[in-house]
C-alpha atoms as a PDB file:
ATOM      1  CA  MET A   1     -73.177   5.553  88.334  1.00  0.00           C
ATOM      2  CA  ILE A   2     -73.905   1.534  87.435  1.00  0.00           C
ATOM      3  CA  LYS A   3     -77.646   2.069  87.203  1.00  0.00           C
ATOM      4  CA  ARG A   4     -76.801   4.669  84.405  1.00  0.00           C
ATOM      5  CA  VAL A   5     -75.137   2.422  82.630  1.00  0.00           C
ATOM      6  CA  ARG A   6     -77.555  -0.424  82.206  1.00  0.00           C
ATOM      7  CA  LEU A   7     -80.008   2.887  81.143  1.00  0.00           C
ATOM      8  CA  ALA A   8     -77.926   3.669  78.591  1.00  0.00           C
ATOM      9  CA  CYS A   9     -77.347  -0.361  77.451  1.00  0.00           C
ATOM     10  CA  ARG A  10     -80.904  -0.690  77.267  1.00  0.00           C
ATOM     11  CA  ARG A  11     -81.666   2.905  75.100  1.00  0.00           C
ATOM     12  CA  ALA A  12     -78.688   2.147  72.838  1.00  0.00           C
ATOM     13  CA  PRO A  13     -78.384  -0.302  69.936  1.00  0.00           C
ATOM     14  CA  LEU A  14     -76.840  -3.523  70.275  1.00  0.00           C
ATOM     15  CA  SER A  15     -73.051  -2.312  68.490  1.00  0.00           C
ATOM     16  CA  ILE A  16     -72.975   0.462  71.068  1.00  0.00           C
ATOM     17  CA  ALA A  17     -74.218  -1.089  74.174  1.00  0.00           C
ATOM     18  CA  GLY A  18     -72.090  -3.989  74.413  1.00  0.00           C
ATOM     19  CA  PRO A  19     -68.855  -1.772  74.231  1.00  0.00           C
ATOM     20  CA  VAL A  20     -69.839   1.149  76.555  1.00  0.00           C
ATOM     21  CA  ALA A  21     -70.539  -1.550  79.354  1.00  0.00           C
ATOM     22  CA  SER A  22     -68.032  -3.345  78.795  1.00  0.00           C
ATOM     23  CA  ALA A  23     -65.034  -0.098  79.161  1.00  0.00           C
ATOM     24  CA  PHE A  24     -67.184   0.760  82.431  1.00  0.00           C
ATOM     25  CA  PHE A  25     -66.479  -2.536  83.817  1.00  0.00           C
ATOM     26  CA  ALA A  26     -63.600  -2.998  82.353  1.00  0.00           C
ATOM     27  CA  VAL A  27     -62.233   0.211  84.673  1.00  0.00           C
ATOM     28  CA  ALA A  28     -64.782  -0.486  87.716  1.00  0.00           C
ATOM     29  CA  PRO A  29     -62.833  -1.065  91.021  1.00  0.00           C
ATOM     30  CA  THR A  30     -62.640  -5.142  92.172  1.00  0.00           C
ATOM     31  CA  GLY A  31     -65.894  -5.579  94.750  1.00  0.00           C
ATOM     32  CA  LEU A  32     -67.703  -2.227  93.475  1.00  0.00           C
ATOM     33  CA  ALA A  33     -70.958  -4.061  94.467  1.00  0.00           C
ATOM     34  CA  ALA A  34     -69.272  -5.506  98.010  1.00  0.00           C
ATOM     35  CA  GLN A  35     -68.553  -1.903  99.343  1.00  0.00           C
ATOM     36  CA  GLU A  36     -70.908  -0.335 101.409  1.00  0.00           C
ATOM     37  CA  PRO A  37     -70.119   3.079 102.496  1.00  0.00           C
ATOM     38  CA  ASP A  38     -69.488   4.213 106.070  1.00  0.00           C
ATOM     39  CA  CYS A  39     -72.814   6.435 106.862  1.00  0.00           C
ATOM     40  CA  ARG A  40     -71.330   8.339 109.679  1.00  0.00           C
ATOM     41  CA  ASP A  41     -68.201   9.565 108.164  1.00  0.00           C
ATOM     42  CA  PRO A  42     -68.951   9.334 103.924  1.00  0.00           C
ATOM     43  CA  GLN A  43     -66.089  10.075 101.989  1.00  0.00           C
ATOM     44  CA  THR A  44     -66.781   9.943  98.364  1.00  0.00           C
ATOM     45  CA  GLN A  45     -69.845  11.692  96.503  1.00  0.00           C
ATOM     46  CA  SER A  46     -71.198   8.250  95.731  1.00  0.00           C
ATOM     47  CA  ALA A  47     -70.938   7.488  99.180  1.00  0.00           C
ATOM     48  CA  MET A  48     -72.420  10.507 100.643  1.00  0.00           C
ATOM     49  CA  ASN A  49     -75.458  10.451  97.921  1.00  0.00           C
ATOM     50  CA  ILE A  50     -76.183   6.375  98.904  1.00  0.00           C
ATOM     51  CA  CYS A  51     -76.255   7.530 102.497  1.00  0.00           C
ATOM     52  CA  ALA A  52     -78.555  10.659 102.041  1.00  0.00           C
ATOM     53  CA  GLY A  53     -80.614   7.842 100.200  1.00  0.00           C
ATOM     54  CA  ARG A  54     -80.731   5.739 103.246  1.00  0.00           C
ATOM     55  CA  ASP A  55     -81.558   8.696 105.381  1.00  0.00           C
ATOM     56  CA  TYR A  56     -84.557   9.965 102.839  1.00  0.00           C
ATOM     57  CA  GLU A  57     -86.035   6.053 102.796  1.00  0.00           C
ATOM     58  CA  ALA A  58     -85.961   5.950 107.460  1.00  0.00           C
ATOM     59  CA  ALA A  59     -87.474   9.123 107.354  1.00  0.00           C
ATOM     60  CA  ASP A  60     -90.131   8.604 104.351  1.00  0.00           C
ATOM     61  CA  ARG A  61     -91.027   5.113 106.222  1.00  0.00           C
ATOM     62  CA  ASP A  62     -91.504   6.637 109.261  1.00  0.00           C
ATOM     63  CA  LEU A  63     -93.880   9.300 107.805  1.00  0.00           C
ATOM     64  CA  ASN A  64     -95.695   6.778 105.863  1.00  0.00           C
ATOM     65  CA  ARG A  65     -96.241   4.464 109.228  1.00  0.00           C
ATOM     66  CA  VAL A  66     -97.886   8.076 111.138  1.00  0.00           C
ATOM     67  CA  TYR A  67     -99.396   8.924 107.690  1.00  0.00           C
ATOM     68  CA  ARG A  68    -101.704   5.210 108.047  1.00  0.00           C
ATOM     69  CA  GLU A  69    -101.834   5.576 111.695  1.00  0.00           C
ATOM     70  CA  LEU A  70    -103.666   8.984 111.429  1.00  0.00           C
ATOM     71  CA  ARG A  71    -105.340   8.129 107.923  1.00  0.00           C
ATOM     72  CA  ALA A  72    -107.116   5.241 110.097  1.00  0.00           C
ATOM     73  CA  ALA A  73    -108.161   7.630 112.935  1.00  0.00           C
ATOM     74  CA  LEU A  74    -109.665   9.924 110.703  1.00  0.00           C
ATOM     75  CA  GLN A  75    -111.938   7.211 109.015  1.00  0.00           C
ATOM     76  CA  GLU A  76    -113.225   6.379 112.191  1.00  0.00           C
ATOM     77  CA  ARG A  77    -113.977   9.661 113.195  1.00  0.00           C
ATOM     78  CA  ASP A  78    -115.681  10.573 109.943  1.00  0.00           C
ATOM     79  CA  ARG A  79    -117.660   7.266 110.565  1.00  0.00           C
ATOM     80  CA  GLU A  80    -118.799   8.525 113.806  1.00  0.00           C
ATOM     81  CA  LEU A  81    -119.792  12.092 112.513  1.00  0.00           C
ATOM     82  CA  GLY A  82    -121.633  10.526 109.083  1.00  0.00           C
ATOM     83  CA  PRO A  83    -121.427  11.990 106.206  1.00  0.00           C
ATOM     84  CA  ARG A  84    -122.912  15.198 106.558  1.00  0.00           C
ATOM     85  CA  LEU A  85    -120.238  16.572 108.599  1.00  0.00           C
ATOM     86  CA  GLY A  86    -117.178  13.652 108.018  1.00  0.00           C
ATOM     87  CA  GLY A  87    -114.950  14.013 105.290  1.00  0.00           C
ATOM     88  CA  ILE A  88    -111.667  15.010 107.149  1.00  0.00           C
ATOM     89  CA  GLU A  89    -109.931  11.494 106.039  1.00  0.00           C
ATOM     90  CA  ALA A  90    -110.045  12.514 102.594  1.00  0.00           C
ATOM     91  CA  ALA A  91    -108.915  16.113 103.779  1.00  0.00           C
ATOM     92  CA  LEU A  92    -106.016  14.221 104.635  1.00  0.00           C
ATOM     93  CA  VAL A  93    -105.209  12.911 101.650  1.00  0.00           C
ATOM     94  CA  ALA A  94    -105.542  15.868  99.477  1.00  0.00           C
ATOM     95  CA  GLY A  95    -103.194  17.524 101.431  1.00  0.00           C
ATOM     96  CA  GLN A  96    -100.484  14.930 101.188  1.00  0.00           C
ATOM     97  CA  ARG A  97    -100.575  14.436  97.408  1.00  0.00           C
ATOM     98  CA  GLY A  98    -100.846  18.468  97.724  1.00  0.00           C
ATOM     99  CA  TRP A  99     -97.711  18.098 100.465  1.00  0.00           C
ATOM    100  CA  ILE A 100     -96.129  15.707  98.154  1.00  0.00           C
ATOM    101  CA  ALA A 101     -95.986  17.913  95.002  1.00  0.00           C
ATOM    102  CA  TYR A 102     -94.491  21.042  96.856  1.00  0.00           C
ATOM    103  CA  ARG A 103     -91.660  18.696  98.661  1.00  0.00           C
ATOM    104  CA  ASP A 104     -90.488  17.395  94.866  1.00  0.00           C
ATOM    105  CA  GLY A 105     -90.506  20.785  93.399  1.00  0.00           C
ATOM    106  CA  HIS A 106     -89.080  22.528  95.981  1.00  0.00           C
ATOM    107  CA  CYS A 107     -86.570  19.730  96.719  1.00  0.00           C
ATOM    108  CA  ALA A 108     -85.472  19.992  92.627  1.00  0.00           C
ATOM    109  CA  VAL A 109     -84.899  23.819  92.697  1.00  0.00           C
ATOM    110  CA  ALA A 110     -82.734  23.130  96.084  1.00  0.00           C
ATOM    111  CA  GLY A 111     -81.328  20.845  93.517  1.00  0.00           C
ATOM    112  CA  ALA A 112     -80.275  23.626  90.924  1.00  0.00           C
ATOM    113  CA  GLU A 113     -77.073  24.641  92.586  1.00  0.00           C
ATOM    114  CA  ALA A 114     -75.690  21.440  90.852  1.00  0.00           C
ATOM    115  CA  ARG A 115     -77.821  20.593  88.013  1.00  0.00           C
ATOM    116  CA  GLY A 116     -76.495  17.907  86.501  1.00  0.00           C
ATOM    117  CA  GLY A 117     -73.300  17.074  89.146  1.00  0.00           C
ATOM    118  CA  THR A 118     -73.266  14.489  91.673  1.00  0.00           C
ATOM    119  CA  MET A 119     -73.683  16.577  94.273  1.00  0.00           C
ATOM    120  CA  GLU A 120     -77.001  17.443  92.505  1.00  0.00           C
ATOM    121  CA  PRO A 121     -78.723  13.965  94.071  1.00  0.00           C
ATOM    122  CA  LEU A 122     -77.509  14.337  97.144  1.00  0.00           C
ATOM    123  CA  LEU A 123     -79.178  18.097  97.951  1.00  0.00           C
ATOM    124  CA  VAL A 124     -82.587  16.574  96.145  1.00  0.00           C
ATOM    125  CA  THR A 125     -82.719  14.355  99.108  1.00  0.00           C
ATOM    126  CA  THR A 126     -81.469  15.809 101.879  1.00  0.00           C
ATOM    127  CA  CYS A 127     -83.987  18.109 101.308  1.00  0.00           C
ATOM    128  CA  LYS A 128     -86.642  15.763 101.032  1.00  0.00           C
ATOM    129  CA  ALA A 129     -85.663  13.724 103.846  1.00  0.00           C
ATOM    130  CA  GLU A 130     -85.423  17.196 105.539  1.00  0.00           C
ATOM    131  CA  LEU A 131     -89.225  18.268 104.708  1.00  0.00           C
ATOM    132  CA  THR A 132     -90.125  14.259 105.287  1.00  0.00           C
ATOM    133  CA  ARG A 133     -89.205  14.162 109.057  1.00  0.00           C
ATOM    134  CA  HIS A 134     -91.039  17.991 109.316  1.00  0.00           C
ATOM    135  CA  ARG A 135     -94.269  16.150 108.038  1.00  0.00           C
ATOM    136  CA  ALA A 136     -94.179  13.342 109.847  1.00  0.00           C
ATOM    137  CA  ARG A 137     -93.819  15.868 112.678  1.00  0.00           C
ATOM    138  CA  GLU A 138     -96.787  17.229 111.489  1.00  0.00           C
ATOM    139  CA  LEU A 139     -98.688  14.706 111.050  1.00  0.00           C
ATOM    140  CA  ASN A 140     -97.739  13.413 114.515  1.00  0.00           C
ATOM    141  CA  GLU A 141     -99.531  16.198 116.027  1.00  0.00           C
ATOM    142  CA  LEU A 142    -102.282  15.646 114.600  1.00  0.00           C
ATOM    143  CA  LEU A 143    -102.395  12.336 115.733  1.00  0.00           C
ATOM    144  CA  ASP A 144    -101.653  13.662 118.854  1.00  0.00           C
ATOM    145  CA  GLY A 145    -104.785  15.306 118.770  1.00  0.00           C
ATOM    146  CA  THR A 146    -107.428  13.586 117.341  1.00  0.00           C
ATOM    147  CA  ALA A 147    -107.099   9.510 117.825  1.00  0.00           C
ATOM    148  CA  ARG A 148    -104.172   8.734 120.702  1.00  0.00           C
END
């Protein structure tokens, strides 16, 4: 919610931005920035959204780690096969780009059930985390078959 106010302040004329921001911060709970949600049992929609975001970030870090390892292994395999038979690493890159477009589109539709509401980010982010974990497992299987 704070980010939305800041974005609105950047776009709005100065005469509107100041009062809008002042009004928000005047009613915001004291210590808002210092409160950390308990992701073992989030109690508010905001906490659920934050925790879902953290879960997705962890899944994305794992996916990126596996992707880098697999890409390096496939680059080595391409070098061994030579230019006539290589191109495996390029196929991985193209496939990953396609998968990202699929994931983002699919999860946008999954969030449409709560379009414009405070629950939409939770639905989208939870979907992205789930699909990202699944993709990491797929890439791990490929890695197990090529490099490990």
